[in-house]
Amino acid sequence: MQKATLGIDIAKATFHAALLHNHKLHQRQFANTDSGFAQLQAWLGKHRAKRLHACMEATASYGDELALLLYHAGHTVSVVNPARIHGFAQSQLQRNKTDQLDAALIARFCQQQQPEAWTPPPLEIQQLRALVRRLEAVQEMRQQEANRLEQAAQQLLIRESLLKIIATLDAEIARLRQLLNDHIDQHPHLRRDRELLLSIPGIGETTAAWLLSEVQVAAYGSARQVAAHAGLTPRHRQSGTSVHGPTPLSKTGNRRLRRALYLPAVVAKRYNPIIRAFCQRLQERGKRPMEIIGAAMRKLLHIVYGVLKSGKAFDPSLAA
């Protein structure tokens, strides 16, 4: 008997489930809450789906709790890049897009492609990731208020309110950064890896925390796999002898990781001897500025992988 597959189209407030079991398709929508999760488990029990392969797209953090619930219930869980689902939809000539259709598509993708199983990160990494993402959210709120302050130059009453909110957000940002440092200090392996990352010119404490929360080196067999996970591998465009397009980043990967590496790569381009020399060679070959920055991000991530994998601090002679 073929193993049941569960396709999940996840959203912020709800998720749509499509169960392929015994050659039949069953579908239902649930709230993305604890009560919705309990209803899902009861629904799976009703259809006698005791052990199944569940699949969902890696979309922000909306599916994290559901993925953990299914994993701890003994099911195989796959959290896949949305680009893979999109490619599968194109291969199936799917023209319409609804939550119901997407969930069924993901279930068929899971049944046919058998994507690799997902394993949740250790608890301390989950907690670190939550802190990092909360810090990011508060920093974005602070930037929004700062933008409003620039636009309210002549509105004194509004400026007073905005300044109070910004001061509150600054205090919360400082508190979250302290919590991040304290959390890392409480775990010897995280503290050791942070020190290794800080030895790399261009990597500061905030970026080190980002990298520790998003990159588990043991899960990858090579630096190229990490770069692919981040969407930093080049996408070549060549056909015959006439089509030779530019080589942008694939961007089919972890958007948060790419965003975390952008400014460090700009800094490393000036102050990291390996990346500075690398970027100079690309410039001499006529590469465009954004291509160079993308290559610097990828090179920096390769160095990060090497440092964490070897357990040795950054050494320009070794990195070269």
C-alpha atoms as a PDB file:
ATOM      1  CA  MET A   1       0.000   0.000   0.000  1.00  0.00           C
ATOM      2  CA  GLN A   2       1.364   3.431  -0.981  1.00  0.00           C
ATOM      3  CA  LYS A   3       2.177   5.729   1.920  1.00  0.00           C
ATOM      4  CA  ALA A   4      -0.315   8.558   2.458  1.00  0.00           C
ATOM      5  CA  THR A   5       0.892  12.031   1.586  1.00  0.00           C
ATOM      6  CA  LEU A   6      -0.307  15.317   3.028  1.00  0.00           C
ATOM      7  CA  GLY A   7       0.085  18.549   1.084  1.00  0.00           C
ATOM      8  CA  ILE A   8      -0.205  21.725   3.140  1.00  0.00           C
ATOM      9  CA  ASP A   9      -0.712  25.213   1.726  1.00  0.00           C
ATOM     10  CA  ILE A  10       0.207  27.413   4.667  1.00  0.00           C
ATOM     11  CA  ALA A  11      -0.843  31.004   5.352  1.00  0.00           C
ATOM     12  CA  LYS A  12      -0.698  33.318   8.345  1.00  0.00           C
ATOM     13  CA  ALA A  13      -4.186  32.618   9.725  1.00  0.00           C
ATOM     14  CA  THR A  14      -5.161  29.333   8.073  1.00  0.00           C
ATOM     15  CA  PHE A  15      -3.775  26.354   6.200  1.00  0.00           C
ATOM     16  CA  HIS A  16      -5.364  24.082   3.618  1.00  0.00           C
ATOM     17  CA  ALA A  17      -4.625  20.341   3.836  1.00  0.00           C
ATOM     18  CA  ALA A  18      -4.894  17.826   1.006  1.00  0.00           C
ATOM     19  CA  LEU A  19      -4.588  14.155   1.959  1.00  0.00           C
ATOM     20  CA  LEU A  20      -3.802  11.575  -0.725  1.00  0.00           C
ATOM     21  CA  HIS A  21      -4.640   8.203   0.812  1.00  0.00           C
ATOM     22  CA  ASN A  22      -5.725   4.925  -0.790  1.00  0.00           C
ATOM     23  CA  HIS A  23      -5.998   6.658  -4.180  1.00  0.00           C
ATOM     24  CA  LYS A  24      -8.491   9.189  -2.800  1.00  0.00           C
ATOM     25  CA  LEU A  25      -8.062  12.924  -2.235  1.00  0.00           C
ATOM     26  CA  HIS A  26      -9.515  14.475   0.919  1.00  0.00           C
ATOM     27  CA  GLN A  27      -9.284  18.227   1.567  1.00  0.00           C
ATOM     28  CA  ARG A  28     -10.087  20.608   4.393  1.00  0.00           C
ATOM     29  CA  GLN A  29      -9.095  24.029   5.716  1.00  0.00           C
ATOM     30  CA  PHE A  30      -7.959  24.588   9.320  1.00  0.00           C
ATOM     31  CA  ALA A  31      -7.056  27.559  11.480  1.00  0.00           C
ATOM     32  CA  ASN A  32      -3.312  28.023  11.938  1.00  0.00           C
ATOM     33  CA  THR A  33      -3.734  27.731  15.726  1.00  0.00           C
ATOM     34  CA  ASP A  34      -3.494  25.074  18.415  1.00  0.00           C
ATOM     35  CA  SER A  35      -7.200  24.261  18.009  1.00  0.00           C
ATOM     36  CA  GLY A  36      -6.691  23.964  14.246  1.00  0.00           C
ATOM     37  CA  PHE A  37      -3.786  21.573  14.806  1.00  0.00           C
ATOM     38  CA  ALA A  38      -5.962  19.423  17.085  1.00  0.00           C
ATOM     39  CA  GLN A  39      -8.698  19.367  14.426  1.00  0.00           C
ATOM     40  CA  LEU A  40      -6.109  18.303  11.822  1.00  0.00           C
ATOM     41  CA  GLN A  41      -4.991  15.377  13.978  1.00  0.00           C
ATOM     42  CA  ALA A  42      -8.593  14.276  14.495  1.00  0.00           C
ATOM     43  CA  TRP A  43      -9.251  14.574  10.738  1.00  0.00           C
ATOM     44  CA  LEU A  44      -6.183  12.458   9.922  1.00  0.00           C
ATOM     45  CA  GLY A  45      -7.332   9.870  12.463  1.00  0.00           C
ATOM     46  CA  LYS A  46     -10.774   9.783  10.851  1.00  0.00           C
ATOM     47  CA  HIS A  47      -9.140   8.893   7.533  1.00  0.00           C
ATOM     48  CA  ARG A  48      -6.833   6.355   9.241  1.00  0.00           C
ATOM     49  CA  ALA A  49      -3.681   8.158   8.162  1.00  0.00           C
ATOM     50  CA  LYS A  50      -1.484   7.043  11.053  1.00  0.00           C
ATOM     51  CA  ARG A  51       1.906   7.479   9.349  1.00  0.00           C
ATOM     52  CA  LEU A  52       2.251   9.809   6.411  1.00  0.00           C
ATOM     53  CA  HIS A  53       4.643  12.035   4.491  1.00  0.00           C
ATOM     54  CA  ALA A  54       3.657  15.688   4.952  1.00  0.00           C
ATOM     55  CA  CYS A  55       5.020  18.431   2.738  1.00  0.00           C
ATOM     56  CA  MET A  56       4.808  22.227   2.877  1.00  0.00           C
ATOM     57  CA  GLU A  57       6.622  25.191   1.390  1.00  0.00           C
ATOM     58  CA  ALA A  58       9.261  27.081   3.357  1.00  0.00           C
ATOM     59  CA  THR A  59       7.311  30.331   3.738  1.00  0.00           C
ATOM     60  CA  ALA A  60       8.432  32.769   6.453  1.00  0.00           C
ATOM     61  CA  SER A  61       7.695  31.207   9.855  1.00  0.00           C
ATOM     62  CA  TYR A  62       3.964  30.509   9.451  1.00  0.00           C
ATOM     63  CA  GLY A  63       4.459  26.748   9.187  1.00  0.00           C
ATOM     64  CA  ASP A  64       7.087  26.234  11.885  1.00  0.00           C
ATOM     65  CA  GLU A  65       4.734  25.111  14.663  1.00  0.00           C
ATOM     66  CA  LEU A  66       2.740  22.814  12.376  1.00  0.00           C
ATOM     67  CA  ALA A  67       5.916  21.199  11.013  1.00  0.00           C
ATOM     68  CA  LEU A  68       7.096  20.543  14.589  1.00  0.00           C
ATOM     69  CA  LEU A  69       3.715  19.085  15.571  1.00  0.00           C
ATOM     70  CA  LEU A  70       3.705  16.652  12.633  1.00  0.00           C
ATOM     71  CA  TYR A  71       7.344  15.701  13.211  1.00  0.00           C
ATOM     72  CA  HIS A  72       6.763  14.914  16.897  1.00  0.00           C
ATOM     73  CA  ALA A  73       3.639  12.941  15.955  1.00  0.00           C
ATOM     74  CA  GLY A  74       5.926  10.525  14.106  1.00  0.00           C
ATOM     75  CA  HIS A  75       5.214  11.656  10.545  1.00  0.00           C
ATOM     76  CA  THR A  76       7.847  12.321   7.878  1.00  0.00           C
ATOM     77  CA  VAL A  77       7.912  16.057   7.172  1.00  0.00           C
ATOM     78  CA  SER A  78       9.442  17.888   4.213  1.00  0.00           C
ATOM     79  CA  VAL A  79       9.820  21.677   4.118  1.00  0.00           C
ATOM     80  CA  VAL A  80      10.747  22.512   0.543  1.00  0.00           C
ATOM     81  CA  ASN A  81      11.812  25.545  -1.446  1.00  0.00           C
ATOM     82  CA  PRO A  82       8.740  27.173  -3.068  1.00  0.00           C
ATOM     83  CA  ALA A  83      10.629  27.252  -6.380  1.00  0.00           C
ATOM     84  CA  ARG A  84      10.461  23.445  -6.517  1.00  0.00           C
ATOM     85  CA  ILE A  85       6.684  23.507  -6.105  1.00  0.00           C
ATOM     86  CA  HIS A  86       6.415  26.244  -8.740  1.00  0.00           C
ATOM     87  CA  GLY A  87       8.477  24.183 -11.171  1.00  0.00           C
ATOM     88  CA  PHE A  88       6.325  21.120 -10.487  1.00  0.00           C
ATOM     89  CA  ALA A  89       3.148  23.163 -11.113  1.00  0.00           C
ATOM     90  CA  GLN A  90       4.530  24.229 -14.479  1.00  0.00           C
ATOM     91  CA  SER A  91       5.350  20.627 -15.373  1.00  0.00           C
ATOM     92  CA  GLN A  92       1.731  19.712 -14.530  1.00  0.00           C
ATOM     93  CA  LEU A  93       0.426  22.599 -16.695  1.00  0.00           C
ATOM     94  CA  GLN A  94      -1.548  23.958 -13.747  1.00  0.00           C
ATOM     95  CA  ARG A  95      -3.159  27.207 -14.911  1.00  0.00           C
ATOM     96  CA  ASN A  96      -5.315  28.135 -11.916  1.00  0.00           C
ATOM     97  CA  LYS A  97      -4.167  28.976  -8.415  1.00  0.00           C
ATOM     98  CA  THR A  98      -6.251  28.574  -5.261  1.00  0.00           C
ATOM     99  CA  ASP A  99      -5.390  27.338  -1.789  1.00  0.00           C
ATOM    100  CA  GLN A 100      -7.289  24.113  -2.494  1.00  0.00           C
ATOM    101  CA  LEU A 101      -5.478  23.479  -5.778  1.00  0.00           C
ATOM    102  CA  ASP A 102      -2.089  24.382  -4.273  1.00  0.00           C
ATOM    103  CA  ALA A 103      -2.514  21.942  -1.379  1.00  0.00           C
ATOM    104  CA  ALA A 104      -3.437  19.140  -3.794  1.00  0.00           C
ATOM    105  CA  LEU A 105      -0.464  20.047  -5.997  1.00  0.00           C
ATOM    106  CA  ILE A 106       1.902  19.862  -3.001  1.00  0.00           C
ATOM    107  CA  ALA A 107       0.456  16.452  -2.054  1.00  0.00           C
ATOM    108  CA  ARG A 108       1.084  15.133  -5.596  1.00  0.00           C
ATOM    109  CA  PHE A 109       4.581  16.648  -5.579  1.00  0.00           C
ATOM    110  CA  CYS A 110       5.295  14.857  -2.298  1.00  0.00           C
ATOM    111  CA  GLN A 111       3.960  11.554  -3.630  1.00  0.00           C
ATOM    112  CA  GLN A 112       5.908  11.688  -6.892  1.00  0.00           C
ATOM    113  CA  GLN A 113       9.153  13.411  -5.877  1.00  0.00           C
ATOM    114  CA  GLN A 114       9.609  12.044  -2.345  1.00  0.00           C
ATOM    115  CA  PRO A 115      11.458  15.165  -1.092  1.00  0.00           C
ATOM    116  CA  GLU A 116      14.063  14.796   1.640  1.00  0.00           C
ATOM    117  CA  ALA A 117      12.895  14.632   5.239  1.00  0.00           C
ATOM    118  CA  TRP A 118      13.152  17.738   7.403  1.00  0.00           C
ATOM    119  CA  THR A 119      14.636  17.588  10.879  1.00  0.00           C
ATOM    120  CA  PRO A 120      13.911  20.416  13.318  1.00  0.00           C
ATOM    121  CA  PRO A 121      16.929  22.298  14.642  1.00  0.00           C
ATOM    122  CA  PRO A 122      17.916  21.855  18.305  1.00  0.00           C
ATOM    123  CA  LEU A 123      15.905  23.819  20.865  1.00  0.00           C
ATOM    124  CA  GLU A 124      18.672  26.369  21.469  1.00  0.00           C
ATOM    125  CA  ILE A 125      18.787  27.118  17.721  1.00  0.00           C
ATOM    126  CA  GLN A 126      14.999  27.489  17.600  1.00  0.00           C
ATOM    127  CA  GLN A 127      15.185  29.957  20.484  1.00  0.00           C
ATOM    128  CA  LEU A 128      18.082  31.823  18.870  1.00  0.00           C
ATOM    129  CA  ARG A 129      16.186  32.039  15.577  1.00  0.00           C
ATOM    130  CA  ALA A 130      13.119  33.429  17.369  1.00  0.00           C
ATOM    131  CA  LEU A 131      15.232  36.109  19.069  1.00  0.00           C
ATOM    132  CA  VAL A 132      16.985  37.062  15.828  1.00  0.00           C
ATOM    133  CA  ARG A 133      13.725  37.343  13.921  1.00  0.00           C
ATOM    134  CA  ARG A 134      12.134  39.388  16.704  1.00  0.00           C
ATOM    135  CA  LEU A 135      15.120  41.753  16.646  1.00  0.00           C
ATOM    136  CA  GLU A 136      14.711  42.084  12.878  1.00  0.00           C
ATOM    137  CA  ALA A 137      11.006  42.913  13.254  1.00  0.00           C
ATOM    138  CA  VAL A 138      11.637  45.593  15.907  1.00  0.00           C
ATOM    139  CA  GLN A 139      14.424  47.120  13.803  1.00  0.00           C
ATOM    140  CA  GLU A 140      12.021  47.323  10.859  1.00  0.00           C
ATOM    141  CA  MET A 141       9.451  49.072  13.074  1.00  0.00           C
ATOM    142  CA  ARG A 142      12.133  51.520  14.190  1.00  0.00           C
ATOM    143  CA  GLN A 143      13.057  52.277  10.572  1.00  0.00           C
ATOM    144  CA  GLN A 144       9.398  52.896   9.699  1.00  0.00           C
ATOM    145  CA  GLU A 145       9.052  55.383  12.539  1.00  0.00           C
ATOM    146  CA  ALA A 146      12.325  57.076  11.537  1.00  0.00           C
ATOM    147  CA  ASN A 147      10.970  57.486   8.003  1.00  0.00           C
ATOM    148  CA  ARG A 148       7.782  59.043   9.373  1.00  0.00           C
ATOM    149  CA  LEU A 149       9.887  61.401  11.498  1.00  0.00           C
ATOM    150  CA  GLU A 150      11.625  62.698   8.371  1.00  0.00           C
ATOM    151  CA  GLN A 151       8.244  63.424   6.794  1.00  0.00           C
ATOM    152  CA  ALA A 152       6.886  65.224   9.876  1.00  0.00           C
ATOM    153  CA  ALA A 153       9.485  67.990   9.985  1.00  0.00           C
ATOM    154  CA  GLN A 154       6.956  70.786  10.659  1.00  0.00           C
ATOM    155  CA  GLN A 155       4.466  68.841  12.774  1.00  0.00           C
ATOM    156  CA  LEU A 156       5.767  69.292  16.304  1.00  0.00           C
ATOM    157  CA  LEU A 157       3.078  67.266  18.084  1.00  0.00           C
ATOM    158  CA  ILE A 158       3.588  64.324  15.726  1.00  0.00           C
ATOM    159  CA  ARG A 159       7.374  64.582  16.086  1.00  0.00           C
ATOM    160  CA  GLU A 160       7.083  64.330  19.871  1.00  0.00           C
ATOM    161  CA  SER A 161       5.046  61.127  19.561  1.00  0.00           C
ATOM    162  CA  LEU A 162       7.431  59.645  17.019  1.00  0.00           C
ATOM    163  CA  LEU A 163      10.489  60.463  19.135  1.00  0.00           C
ATOM    164  CA  LYS A 164       8.915  58.696  22.132  1.00  0.00           C
ATOM    165  CA  ILE A 165       8.164  55.595  20.079  1.00  0.00           C
ATOM    166  CA  ILE A 166      11.683  55.565  18.582  1.00  0.00           C
ATOM    167  CA  ALA A 167      13.228  55.851  22.059  1.00  0.00           C
ATOM    168  CA  THR A 168      11.097  52.914  23.239  1.00  0.00           C
ATOM    169  CA  LEU A 169      12.093  50.832  20.208  1.00  0.00           C
ATOM    170  CA  ASP A 170      15.778  51.702  20.716  1.00  0.00           C
ATOM    171  CA  ALA A 171      15.545  50.436  24.299  1.00  0.00           C
ATOM    172  CA  GLU A 172      13.865  47.212  23.116  1.00  0.00           C
ATOM    173  CA  ILE A 173      16.510  46.704  20.417  1.00  0.00           C
ATOM    174  CA  ALA A 174      19.237  47.043  23.049  1.00  0.00           C
ATOM    175  CA  ARG A 175      17.398  44.578  25.320  1.00  0.00           C
ATOM    176  CA  LEU A 176      16.990  42.024  22.527  1.00  0.00           C
ATOM    177  CA  ARG A 177      20.661  42.294  21.587  1.00  0.00           C
ATOM    178  CA  GLN A 178      21.588  41.624  25.193  1.00  0.00           C
ATOM    179  CA  LEU A 179      19.240  38.629  25.273  1.00  0.00           C
ATOM    180  CA  LEU A 180      20.888  37.333  22.099  1.00  0.00           C
ATOM    181  CA  ASN A 181      24.367  37.629  23.585  1.00  0.00           C
ATOM    182  CA  ASP A 182      23.262  36.036  26.857  1.00  0.00           C
ATOM    183  CA  HIS A 183      21.601  33.146  25.026  1.00  0.00           C
ATOM    184  CA  ILE A 184      24.723  32.457  22.963  1.00  0.00           C
ATOM    185  CA  ASP A 185      26.938  32.719  26.058  1.00  0.00           C
ATOM    186  CA  GLN A 186      24.826  30.066  27.814  1.00  0.00           C
ATOM    187  CA  HIS A 187      25.642  27.454  25.139  1.00  0.00           C
ATOM    188  CA  PRO A 188      29.371  26.653  24.758  1.00  0.00           C
ATOM    189  CA  HIS A 189      29.110  25.478  21.130  1.00  0.00           C
ATOM    190  CA  LEU A 190      27.258  28.647  20.099  1.00  0.00           C
ATOM    191  CA  ARG A 191      29.767  30.802  21.975  1.00  0.00           C
ATOM    192  CA  ARG A 192      32.667  29.005  20.266  1.00  0.00           C
ATOM    193  CA  ASP A 193      31.113  29.369  16.800  1.00  0.00           C
ATOM    194  CA  ARG A 194      30.380  33.061  17.395  1.00  0.00           C
ATOM    195  CA  GLU A 195      34.054  33.668  18.185  1.00  0.00           C
ATOM    196  CA  LEU A 196      35.042  31.821  15.007  1.00  0.00           C
ATOM    197  CA  LEU A 197      32.666  33.953  12.940  1.00  0.00           C
ATOM    198  CA  LEU A 198      33.857  37.196  14.529  1.00  0.00           C
ATOM    199  CA  SER A 199      37.399  36.364  13.364  1.00  0.00           C
ATOM    200  CA  ILE A 200      36.233  36.929   9.761  1.00  0.00           C
ATOM    201  CA  PRO A 201      36.621  40.573   8.622  1.00  0.00           C
ATOM    202  CA  GLY A 202      33.162  41.798   7.665  1.00  0.00           C
ATOM    203  CA  ILE A 203      31.240  39.696  10.208  1.00  0.00           C
ATOM    204  CA  GLY A 204      29.918  41.517  13.278  1.00  0.00           C
ATOM    205  CA  GLU A 205      27.938  40.284  16.273  1.00  0.00           C
ATOM    206  CA  THR A 206      24.498  40.758  14.693  1.00  0.00           C
ATOM    207  CA  THR A 207      25.499  38.931  11.502  1.00  0.00           C
ATOM    208  CA  ALA A 208      27.146  36.166  13.550  1.00  0.00           C
ATOM    209  CA  ALA A 209      23.861  35.614  15.417  1.00  0.00           C
ATOM    210  CA  TRP A 210      21.970  35.557  12.092  1.00  0.00           C
ATOM    211  CA  LEU A 211      24.342  32.964  10.662  1.00  0.00           C
ATOM    212  CA  LEU A 212      24.215  30.776  13.761  1.00  0.00           C
ATOM    213  CA  SER A 213      20.410  30.778  13.633  1.00  0.00           C
ATOM    214  CA  GLU A 214      20.088  30.053   9.908  1.00  0.00           C
ATOM    215  CA  VAL A 215      23.086  27.838   9.005  1.00  0.00           C
ATOM    216  CA  GLN A 216      23.671  24.459  10.626  1.00  0.00           C
ATOM    217  CA  VAL A 217      26.953  23.394   9.064  1.00  0.00           C
ATOM    218  CA  ALA A 218      26.500  19.700   9.889  1.00  0.00           C
ATOM    219  CA  ALA A 219      23.479  19.578   7.557  1.00  0.00           C
ATOM    220  CA  TYR A 220      25.564  20.403   4.476  1.00  0.00           C
ATOM    221  CA  GLY A 221      28.221  18.397   2.671  1.00  0.00           C
ATOM    222  CA  SER A 222      29.940  21.372   1.043  1.00  0.00           C
ATOM    223  CA  ALA A 223      30.139  25.146   0.967  1.00  0.00           C
ATOM    224  CA  ARG A 224      28.354  25.095  -2.383  1.00  0.00           C
ATOM    225  CA  GLN A 225      25.347  23.412  -0.777  1.00  0.00           C
ATOM    226  CA  VAL A 226      25.158  26.207   1.788  1.00  0.00           C
ATOM    227  CA  ALA A 227      25.393  28.802  -1.004  1.00  0.00           C
ATOM    228  CA  ALA A 228      22.585  27.023  -2.872  1.00  0.00           C
ATOM    229  CA  HIS A 229      20.490  27.033   0.322  1.00  0.00           C
ATOM    230  CA  ALA A 230      20.955  30.808   0.475  1.00  0.00           C
ATOM    231  CA  GLY A 231      20.134  31.281  -3.218  1.00  0.00           C
ATOM    232  CA  LEU A 232      23.638  32.631  -3.871  1.00  0.00           C
ATOM    233  CA  THR A 233      24.640  30.292  -6.678  1.00  0.00           C
ATOM    234  CA  PRO A 234      24.788  31.923 -10.134  1.00  0.00           C
ATOM    235  CA  ARG A 235      22.032  31.362 -12.683  1.00  0.00           C
ATOM    236  CA  HIS A 236      23.691  31.030 -16.076  1.00  0.00           C
ATOM    237  CA  ARG A 237      21.914  32.073 -19.270  1.00  0.00           C
ATOM    238  CA  GLN A 238      23.448  30.575 -22.382  1.00  0.00           C
ATOM    239  CA  SER A 239      21.934  29.007 -25.473  1.00  0.00           C
ATOM    240  CA  GLY A 240      23.851  28.148 -28.629  1.00  0.00           C
ATOM    241  CA  THR A 241      26.254  30.812 -29.791  1.00  0.00           C
ATOM    242  CA  SER A 242      23.997  33.856 -29.667  1.00  0.00           C
ATOM    243  CA  VAL A 243      22.479  33.974 -26.178  1.00  0.00           C
ATOM    244  CA  HIS A 244      24.957  34.910 -23.460  1.00  0.00           C
ATOM    245  CA  GLY A 245      23.027  36.780 -20.796  1.00  0.00           C
ATOM    246  CA  PRO A 246      24.302  38.095 -17.448  1.00  0.00           C
ATOM    247  CA  THR A 247      24.621  35.652 -14.537  1.00  0.00           C
ATOM    248  CA  PRO A 248      22.415  36.883 -11.703  1.00  0.00           C
ATOM    249  CA  LEU A 249      21.933  35.086  -8.408  1.00  0.00           C
ATOM    250  CA  SER A 250      19.452  32.239  -8.486  1.00  0.00           C
ATOM    251  CA  LYS A 251      17.645  33.653  -5.401  1.00  0.00           C
ATOM    252  CA  THR A 252      15.890  30.295  -4.975  1.00  0.00           C
ATOM    253  CA  GLY A 253      16.801  29.921  -1.329  1.00  0.00           C
ATOM    254  CA  ASN A 254      16.811  31.475   2.135  1.00  0.00           C
ATOM    255  CA  ARG A 255      15.946  35.150   1.640  1.00  0.00           C
ATOM    256  CA  ARG A 256      16.780  36.020   5.248  1.00  0.00           C
ATOM    257  CA  LEU A 257      20.272  34.634   4.869  1.00  0.00           C
ATOM    258  CA  ARG A 258      20.886  36.657   1.692  1.00  0.00           C
ATOM    259  CA  ARG A 259      19.671  39.814   3.379  1.00  0.00           C
ATOM    260  CA  ALA A 260      21.890  39.172   6.412  1.00  0.00           C
ATOM    261  CA  LEU A 261      24.966  38.814   4.182  1.00  0.00           C
ATOM    262  CA  TYR A 262      24.517  41.881   1.980  1.00  0.00           C
ATOM    263  CA  LEU A 263      26.020  44.601   4.209  1.00  0.00           C
ATOM    264  CA  PRO A 264      28.760  42.306   5.611  1.00  0.00           C
ATOM    265  CA  ALA A 265      29.790  41.565   2.016  1.00  0.00           C
ATOM    266  CA  VAL A 266      29.987  45.299   1.266  1.00  0.00           C
ATOM    267  CA  VAL A 267      32.240  45.735   4.308  1.00  0.00           C
ATOM    268  CA  ALA A 268      34.299  42.621   3.488  1.00  0.00           C
ATOM    269  CA  LYS A 269      34.827  43.952  -0.045  1.00  0.00           C
ATOM    270  CA  ARG A 270      36.920  46.726   1.523  1.00  0.00           C
ATOM    271  CA  TYR A 271      38.447  45.157   4.614  1.00  0.00           C
ATOM    272  CA  ASN A 272      38.661  41.375   4.083  1.00  0.00           C
ATOM    273  CA  PRO A 273      41.909  40.712   2.142  1.00  0.00           C
ATOM    274  CA  ILE A 274      40.601  37.565   0.431  1.00  0.00           C
ATOM    275  CA  ILE A 275      37.306  39.087  -0.670  1.00  0.00           C
ATOM    276  CA  ARG A 276      38.938  42.401  -1.609  1.00  0.00           C
ATOM    277  CA  ALA A 277      41.350  40.643  -3.978  1.00  0.00           C
ATOM    278  CA  PHE A 278      38.536  38.457  -5.299  1.00  0.00           C
ATOM    279  CA  CYS A 279      36.337  41.477  -6.073  1.00  0.00           C
ATOM    280  CA  GLN A 280      39.230  43.305  -7.752  1.00  0.00           C
ATOM    281  CA  ARG A 281      39.697  40.362 -10.117  1.00  0.00           C
ATOM    282  CA  LEU A 282      35.997  40.382 -10.971  1.00  0.00           C
ATOM    283  CA  GLN A 283      36.103  44.136 -11.585  1.00  0.00           C
ATOM    284  CA  GLU A 284      39.051  43.718 -13.962  1.00  0.00           C
ATOM    285  CA  ARG A 285      37.009  41.140 -15.875  1.00  0.00           C
ATOM    286  CA  GLY A 286      34.272  43.716 -16.410  1.00  0.00           C
ATOM    287  CA  LYS A 287      31.685  42.364 -13.987  1.00  0.00           C
ATOM    288  CA  ARG A 288      28.884  44.718 -12.979  1.00  0.00           C
ATOM    289  CA  PRO A 289      28.828  46.163  -9.406  1.00  0.00           C
ATOM    290  CA  MET A 290      25.827  44.091  -8.242  1.00  0.00           C
ATOM    291  CA  GLU A 291      27.312  40.934  -9.737  1.00  0.00           C
ATOM    292  CA  ILE A 292      30.457  41.622  -7.726  1.00  0.00           C
ATOM    293  CA  ILE A 293      28.477  42.122  -4.499  1.00  0.00           C
ATOM    294  CA  GLY A 294      26.586  38.873  -5.112  1.00  0.00           C
ATOM    295  CA  ALA A 295      29.857  37.021  -5.707  1.00  0.00           C
ATOM    296  CA  ALA A 296      31.290  38.589  -2.538  1.00  0.00           C
ATOM    297  CA  MET A 297      28.283  37.342  -0.547  1.00  0.00           C
ATOM    298  CA  ARG A 298      28.821  33.849  -1.897  1.00  0.00           C
ATOM    299  CA  LYS A 299      32.567  33.968  -1.188  1.00  0.00           C
ATOM    300  CA  LEU A 300      31.916  35.227   2.339  1.00  0.00           C
ATOM    301  CA  LEU A 301      29.487  32.361   2.958  1.00  0.00           C
ATOM    302  CA  HIS A 302      32.103  29.881   1.680  1.00  0.00           C
ATOM    303  CA  ILE A 303      34.571  31.307   4.214  1.00  0.00           C
ATOM    304  CA  VAL A 304      31.938  31.058   6.964  1.00  0.00           C
ATOM    305  CA  TYR A 305      31.393  27.397   6.109  1.00  0.00           C
ATOM    306  CA  GLY A 306      35.130  26.679   6.109  1.00  0.00           C
ATOM    307  CA  VAL A 307      35.715  28.363   9.454  1.00  0.00           C
ATOM    308  CA  LEU A 308      32.793  26.614  11.172  1.00  0.00           C
ATOM    309  CA  LYS A 309      33.542  23.240   9.567  1.00  0.00           C
ATOM    310  CA  SER A 310      37.225  23.295  10.501  1.00  0.00           C
ATOM    311  CA  GLY A 311      36.743  24.871  13.910  1.00  0.00           C
ATOM    312  CA  LYS A 312      39.670  27.222  13.175  1.00  0.00           C
ATOM    313  CA  ALA A 313      39.627  31.023  13.177  1.00  0.00           C
ATOM    314  CA  PHE A 314      39.898  32.898   9.890  1.00  0.00           C
ATOM    315  CA  ASP A 315      43.366  32.763   8.380  1.00  0.00           C
ATOM    316  CA  PRO A 316      43.900  34.653   5.067  1.00  0.00           C
ATOM    317  CA  SER A 317      46.618  32.231   3.976  1.00  0.00           C
ATOM    318  CA  LEU A 318      44.303  29.230   4.446  1.00  0.00           C
ATOM    319  CA  ALA A 319      41.273  30.975   2.933  1.00  0.00           C
ATOM    320  CA  ALA A 320      43.262  31.863  -0.156  1.00  0.00           C
END
